[in-house]
Amino acid sequence: MADLEIGVIGAAGRMGAAVVQEISETEGCVLVAAADNAGHPALGEDAGTRAGVGALGIAIGDDAAAVFERSGVVIEFSLPDATVRHAAMAGAAATPHVIGTTGLDAAQERAVRDAAGHAPIVLAPNMSLAVNILFALTRQVAGILDDRFDIEIFEMHHKHKVDAPSGTALGLGRAAAEGRGVSLDAVSQMARQGQTGARRKGDIGFAVLRGGDVVGEHTVTFAVEGERLELTHKASSRRIFSRGAVHAARWAPGRAPGLYGMADVLGL
């Protein structure tokens, strides 16, 4: 069987480099194209050298459309605006697209969904296989425990992360809301300051910490008088995200056009 030909967008970044490393170490997968933003100082550099795995003969370019034309599936970790443009390219080329970009707003998510009408797109707030088990558990527990149990979501990341709450925390919030049969927008409490009054029954609260080099920590707490249940995931390496992205990339080819999540990939 021929190797799965994978392209990487955002190949010069930390996550892009981790994905290139994962591809190079995964049997049956091969890197065939790599791109990053125009003007990036790494343009022209070998993607493998950039990732620390040795030269692979694939230079990092700035032509994203060419990556979609060349590849059997494309993995992307970049910025929201760029991701929307690239999703449209995926649709035009009918190339499967695995997106690990976080921080997409509702309009950007709709644009990705529109593009998924023409190609299979896997969009996940967190590509970690274990975190996606946490999403499923959160949904299940929220459906079992009624709104006497307060739900609070805590997350901490490194000081360089630009979006808050994290995409993973929001994904956990959506999972909890789905379990309760409510809209997250209607019950989310994103910040507390000053005289806030008593906690409103049924709310889903968020707490955000930033500092140091924390890769990612997330805890969903279900609290009621007399007891507390906590579901926690701690990441110590970005490898968990690249591992999940390559897992999704191996799943996506041959799927019908549509917007998928890691729950689909994992059969949850």
Protein backbone atom coordinates (compact mmCIF):
# COMPACT_ATOMS: atom_id res chain seq x y z
CA MET A 1 0.00 0.00 0.00
CA ALA A 2 1.30 3.46 -0.90
CA ASP A 3 2.25 5.86 1.86
CA LEU A 4 -0.29 8.50 2.85
CA GLU A 5 0.97 11.80 1.41
CA ILE A 6 0.52 14.56 4.00
CA GLY A 7 0.98 18.31 3.67
CA VAL A 8 1.49 20.64 6.62
CA ILE A 9 0.43 24.28 6.86
CA GLY A 10 2.03 26.26 9.66
CA ALA A 11 5.10 24.05 9.25
CA ALA A 12 7.48 26.67 10.65
CA GLY A 13 5.64 26.96 13.97
CA ARG A 14 6.05 24.87 17.10
CA MET A 15 3.00 22.73 16.39
CA GLY A 16 3.80 22.48 12.70
CA ALA A 17 7.28 21.21 13.53
CA ALA A 18 5.79 18.68 15.95
CA VAL A 19 3.45 17.45 13.19
CA VAL A 20 6.36 17.10 10.76
CA GLN A 21 8.22 15.06 13.38
CA GLU A 22 5.18 12.85 13.97
CA ILE A 23 4.74 12.24 10.23
CA SER A 24 8.40 11.33 9.85
CA GLU A 25 8.10 8.76 12.66
CA THR A 26 4.76 7.24 11.61
CA GLU A 27 4.91 4.19 9.38
CA GLY A 28 2.86 4.57 6.22
CA CYS A 29 2.97 8.39 6.24
CA VAL A 30 5.19 10.75 4.28
CA LEU A 31 5.51 14.53 4.18
CA VAL A 32 5.06 15.83 0.63
CA ALA A 33 4.49 19.59 1.08
CA ALA A 34 4.88 22.31 3.71
CA ALA A 35 3.94 25.97 3.90
CA ASP A 36 3.78 28.93 6.22
CA ASN A 37 2.98 32.63 6.02
CA ALA A 38 4.56 34.79 3.34
CA GLY A 39 7.54 36.60 4.78
CA HIS A 40 8.24 34.04 7.49
CA PRO A 41 12.01 33.80 8.06
CA ALA A 42 11.87 29.99 7.80
CA LEU A 43 10.66 30.04 4.17
CA GLY A 44 12.97 27.96 2.02
CA GLU A 45 14.21 25.95 4.99
CA ASP A 46 13.83 22.18 4.91
CA ALA A 47 10.77 21.24 6.97
CA GLY A 48 12.53 18.24 8.47
CA THR A 49 15.55 20.28 9.49
CA ARG A 50 13.21 22.84 11.05
CA ALA A 51 11.51 20.04 13.01
CA GLY A 52 14.81 18.58 14.17
CA VAL A 53 14.44 15.26 12.37
CA GLY A 54 16.94 15.84 9.58
CA ALA A 55 16.44 16.95 6.00
CA LEU A 56 13.36 15.48 4.30
CA GLY A 57 13.78 17.24 0.98
CA ILE A 58 10.63 19.34 1.49
CA ALA A 59 11.18 23.10 1.60
CA ILE A 60 8.76 25.32 3.52
CA GLY A 61 7.00 27.53 0.96
CA ASP A 62 4.28 30.16 1.07
CA ASP A 63 1.84 28.67 -1.47
CA ALA A 64 -0.89 27.04 0.60
CA ALA A 65 -3.01 26.23 -2.45
CA ALA A 66 -0.15 24.17 -3.86
CA VAL A 67 -0.03 22.16 -0.62
CA PHE A 68 -3.67 21.17 -1.07
CA GLU A 69 -3.10 20.26 -4.71
CA ARG A 70 -0.05 18.14 -3.90
CA SER A 71 -1.26 16.31 -0.78
CA GLY A 72 -3.65 13.49 -0.03
CA VAL A 73 -4.54 15.19 3.25
CA VAL A 74 -3.42 18.44 4.88
CA ILE A 75 -2.83 19.14 8.58
CA GLU A 76 -2.98 22.73 9.80
CA PHE A 77 -2.17 24.52 13.04
CA SER A 78 -2.19 28.26 12.31
CA LEU A 79 -4.32 31.37 12.93
CA PRO A 80 -8.11 31.62 12.52
CA ASP A 81 -8.24 33.99 9.53
CA ALA A 82 -5.66 31.95 7.64
CA THR A 83 -7.43 28.72 8.51
CA VAL A 84 -10.69 29.98 6.98
CA ARG A 85 -8.88 30.82 3.73
CA HIS A 86 -7.20 27.43 3.70
CA ALA A 87 -10.45 25.57 4.39
CA ALA A 88 -11.84 27.18 1.24
CA MET A 89 -8.78 25.88 -0.63
CA ALA A 90 -9.42 22.41 0.79
CA GLY A 91 -12.97 22.58 -0.53
CA ALA A 92 -11.83 23.76 -3.95
CA ALA A 93 -9.27 20.95 -4.20
CA ALA A 94 -11.55 18.37 -2.50
CA THR A 95 -8.61 17.57 -0.23
CA PRO A 96 -9.21 16.30 3.32
CA HIS A 97 -8.20 18.94 5.87
CA VAL A 98 -7.36 18.37 9.54
CA ILE A 99 -7.56 21.61 11.54
CA GLY A 100 -6.06 22.03 15.00
CA THR A 101 -6.25 25.83 14.97
CA THR A 102 -7.96 27.29 18.05
CA GLY A 103 -9.70 30.61 18.65
CA LEU A 104 -12.13 30.49 15.69
CA ASP A 105 -15.20 32.64 16.26
CA ALA A 106 -18.73 31.63 15.25
CA ALA A 107 -18.49 33.23 11.80
CA GLN A 108 -15.17 31.55 11.10
CA GLU A 109 -16.55 28.18 12.19
CA ARG A 110 -19.49 28.69 9.81
CA ALA A 111 -17.06 29.41 6.97
CA VAL A 112 -15.18 26.18 7.72
CA ARG A 113 -18.50 24.31 7.79
CA ASP A 114 -19.37 25.76 4.38
CA ALA A 115 -16.03 24.57 2.98
CA ALA A 116 -16.72 21.13 4.43
CA GLY A 117 -19.56 20.79 1.95
CA HIS A 118 -16.88 20.02 -0.63
CA ALA A 119 -14.24 18.09 1.33
CA PRO A 120 -13.97 16.12 4.57
CA ILE A 121 -12.71 18.50 7.26
CA VAL A 122 -11.80 17.45 10.79
CA LEU A 123 -12.01 20.43 13.16
CA ALA A 124 -11.16 19.90 16.82
CA PRO A 125 -10.42 22.32 19.68
CA ASN A 126 -7.91 19.77 20.92
CA MET A 127 -6.35 16.93 18.93
CA SER A 128 -5.26 14.92 21.97
CA LEU A 129 -6.82 11.48 21.97
CA ALA A 130 -7.19 11.51 25.77
CA VAL A 131 -8.72 14.99 25.84
CA ASN A 132 -11.39 13.82 23.46
CA ILE A 133 -12.19 11.04 25.89
CA LEU A 134 -12.53 13.83 28.49
CA PHE A 135 -15.04 15.61 26.22
CA ALA A 136 -17.12 12.42 26.06
CA LEU A 137 -16.93 11.86 29.81
CA THR A 138 -17.89 15.48 30.52
CA ARG A 139 -20.95 15.19 28.28
CA GLN A 140 -21.95 11.91 29.92
CA VAL A 141 -21.49 13.11 33.52
CA ALA A 142 -23.31 16.39 32.85
CA GLY A 143 -26.24 14.39 31.51
CA ILE A 144 -26.33 12.20 34.60
CA LEU A 145 -25.92 14.89 37.29
CA ASP A 146 -28.70 17.48 37.34
CA ASP A 147 -28.27 21.24 37.74
CA ARG A 148 -27.95 20.99 41.51
CA PHE A 149 -24.33 20.21 40.61
CA ASP A 150 -22.44 23.38 39.70
CA ILE A 151 -20.08 23.02 36.73
CA GLU A 152 -16.80 24.93 36.68
CA ILE A 153 -14.05 24.61 34.05
CA PHE A 154 -10.45 25.50 34.88
CA GLU A 155 -7.65 25.78 32.35
CA MET A 156 -4.00 26.86 32.44
CA HIS A 157 -1.57 27.37 29.58
CA HIS A 158 1.83 28.93 28.90
CA LYS A 159 2.23 32.69 28.93
CA HIS A 160 2.42 32.96 25.14
CA LYS A 161 -1.10 31.64 24.45
CA VAL A 162 -3.18 34.44 22.90
CA ASP A 163 -6.78 33.19 23.20
CA ALA A 164 -8.79 32.68 26.38
CA PRO A 165 -10.57 30.59 27.45
CA SER A 166 -8.73 27.95 25.47
CA GLY A 167 -10.48 26.16 22.64
CA THR A 168 -10.32 23.02 24.74
CA ALA A 169 -12.02 24.71 27.71
CA LEU A 170 -14.77 25.97 25.43
CA GLY A 171 -15.10 22.49 23.97
CA LEU A 172 -15.52 21.11 27.48
CA GLY A 173 -18.12 23.78 28.16
CA ARG A 174 -20.03 22.83 25.02
CA ALA A 175 -19.83 19.15 25.99
CA ALA A 176 -21.23 19.91 29.46
CA ALA A 177 -23.99 22.08 27.98
CA GLU A 178 -24.91 19.36 25.48
CA GLY A 179 -25.11 16.87 28.32
CA ARG A 180 -27.52 19.20 30.12
CA GLY A 181 -29.50 19.93 26.96
CA VAL A 182 -28.82 23.68 27.08
CA SER A 183 -26.95 26.27 25.02
CA LEU A 184 -23.51 27.21 26.34
CA ASP A 185 -24.12 30.82 25.33
CA ALA A 186 -27.12 30.92 27.66
CA VAL A 187 -25.34 29.55 30.73
CA SER A 188 -21.64 30.45 30.39
CA GLN A 189 -19.99 32.66 33.01
CA MET A 190 -16.66 33.76 31.56
CA ALA A 191 -15.43 36.12 34.27
CA ARG A 192 -16.16 37.19 37.83
CA GLN A 193 -15.06 40.42 39.50
CA GLY A 194 -16.35 42.53 42.35
CA GLN A 195 -19.74 42.01 43.95
CA THR A 196 -21.07 39.32 41.62
CA GLY A 197 -23.85 38.03 43.84
CA ALA A 198 -24.59 34.37 44.40
CA ARG A 199 -23.77 31.87 41.70
CA ARG A 200 -26.70 31.39 39.31
CA LYS A 201 -28.07 27.86 39.24
CA GLY A 202 -27.19 26.03 36.04
CA ASP A 203 -24.32 28.28 35.00
CA ILE A 204 -21.10 26.84 33.58
CA GLY A 205 -18.18 28.89 34.86
CA PHE A 206 -14.70 29.32 33.42
CA ALA A 207 -11.40 30.15 35.12
CA VAL A 208 -8.25 30.96 33.15
CA LEU A 209 -4.59 30.99 34.21
CA ARG A 210 -1.58 31.90 32.07
CA GLY A 211 2.04 31.48 33.03
CA GLY A 212 5.37 29.79 32.47
CA ASP A 213 5.63 26.97 29.98
CA VAL A 214 2.51 24.96 30.84
CA VAL A 215 1.49 22.96 27.78
CA GLY A 216 -2.09 22.60 28.97
CA GLU A 217 -4.14 21.64 32.01
CA HIS A 218 -7.93 21.31 32.11
CA THR A 219 -10.28 20.33 34.94
CA VAL A 220 -14.06 20.05 34.86
CA THR A 221 -15.53 20.24 38.36
CA PHE A 222 -19.03 19.09 39.29
CA ALA A 223 -19.73 20.47 42.78
CA VAL A 224 -22.69 20.11 45.11
CA GLU A 225 -23.11 20.40 48.86
CA GLY A 226 -21.11 17.58 50.41
CA GLU A 227 -19.16 16.30 47.41
CA ARG A 228 -17.19 17.24 44.33
CA LEU A 229 -16.25 15.30 41.20
CA GLU A 230 -13.25 16.46 39.15
CA LEU A 231 -12.24 15.26 35.69
CA THR A 232 -8.69 16.36 34.83
CA HIS A 233 -6.29 16.16 31.92
CA LYS A 234 -2.69 17.39 32.08
CA ALA A 235 -0.50 17.70 29.02
CA SER A 236 3.29 17.64 29.39
CA SER A 237 4.18 17.62 25.69
CA ARG A 238 2.77 19.05 22.46
CA ARG A 239 3.39 15.62 21.00
CA ILE A 240 -0.09 14.61 22.12
CA PHE A 241 -1.62 17.11 19.69
CA SER A 242 0.55 16.13 16.72
CA ARG A 243 -0.11 12.44 17.45
CA GLY A 244 -3.85 13.05 17.38
CA ALA A 245 -3.63 15.18 14.23
CA VAL A 246 -1.79 12.46 12.33
CA HIS A 247 -4.30 9.90 13.64
CA ALA A 248 -7.10 12.09 12.22
CA ALA A 249 -5.20 12.53 8.95
CA ARG A 250 -5.05 8.77 8.50
CA TRP A 251 -8.81 8.53 9.13
CA ALA A 252 -10.04 11.37 6.88
CA PRO A 253 -9.17 10.25 3.31
CA GLY A 254 -12.09 8.54 1.62
CA ARG A 255 -14.70 10.09 3.91
CA ALA A 256 -17.65 11.93 2.45
CA PRO A 257 -17.49 15.74 2.46
CA GLY A 258 -18.58 17.10 5.81
CA LEU A 259 -17.43 18.63 9.06
CA TYR A 260 -16.13 16.04 11.51
CA GLY A 261 -14.69 16.11 15.02
CA MET A 262 -12.34 13.87 16.91
CA ALA A 263 -15.36 12.07 18.34
CA ASP A 264 -16.04 10.88 14.79
CA VAL A 265 -12.41 9.91 14.32
CA LEU A 266 -12.42 7.91 17.56
CA GLY A 267 -15.91 6.48 17.13
CA LEU A 268 -17.14 8.02 20.38
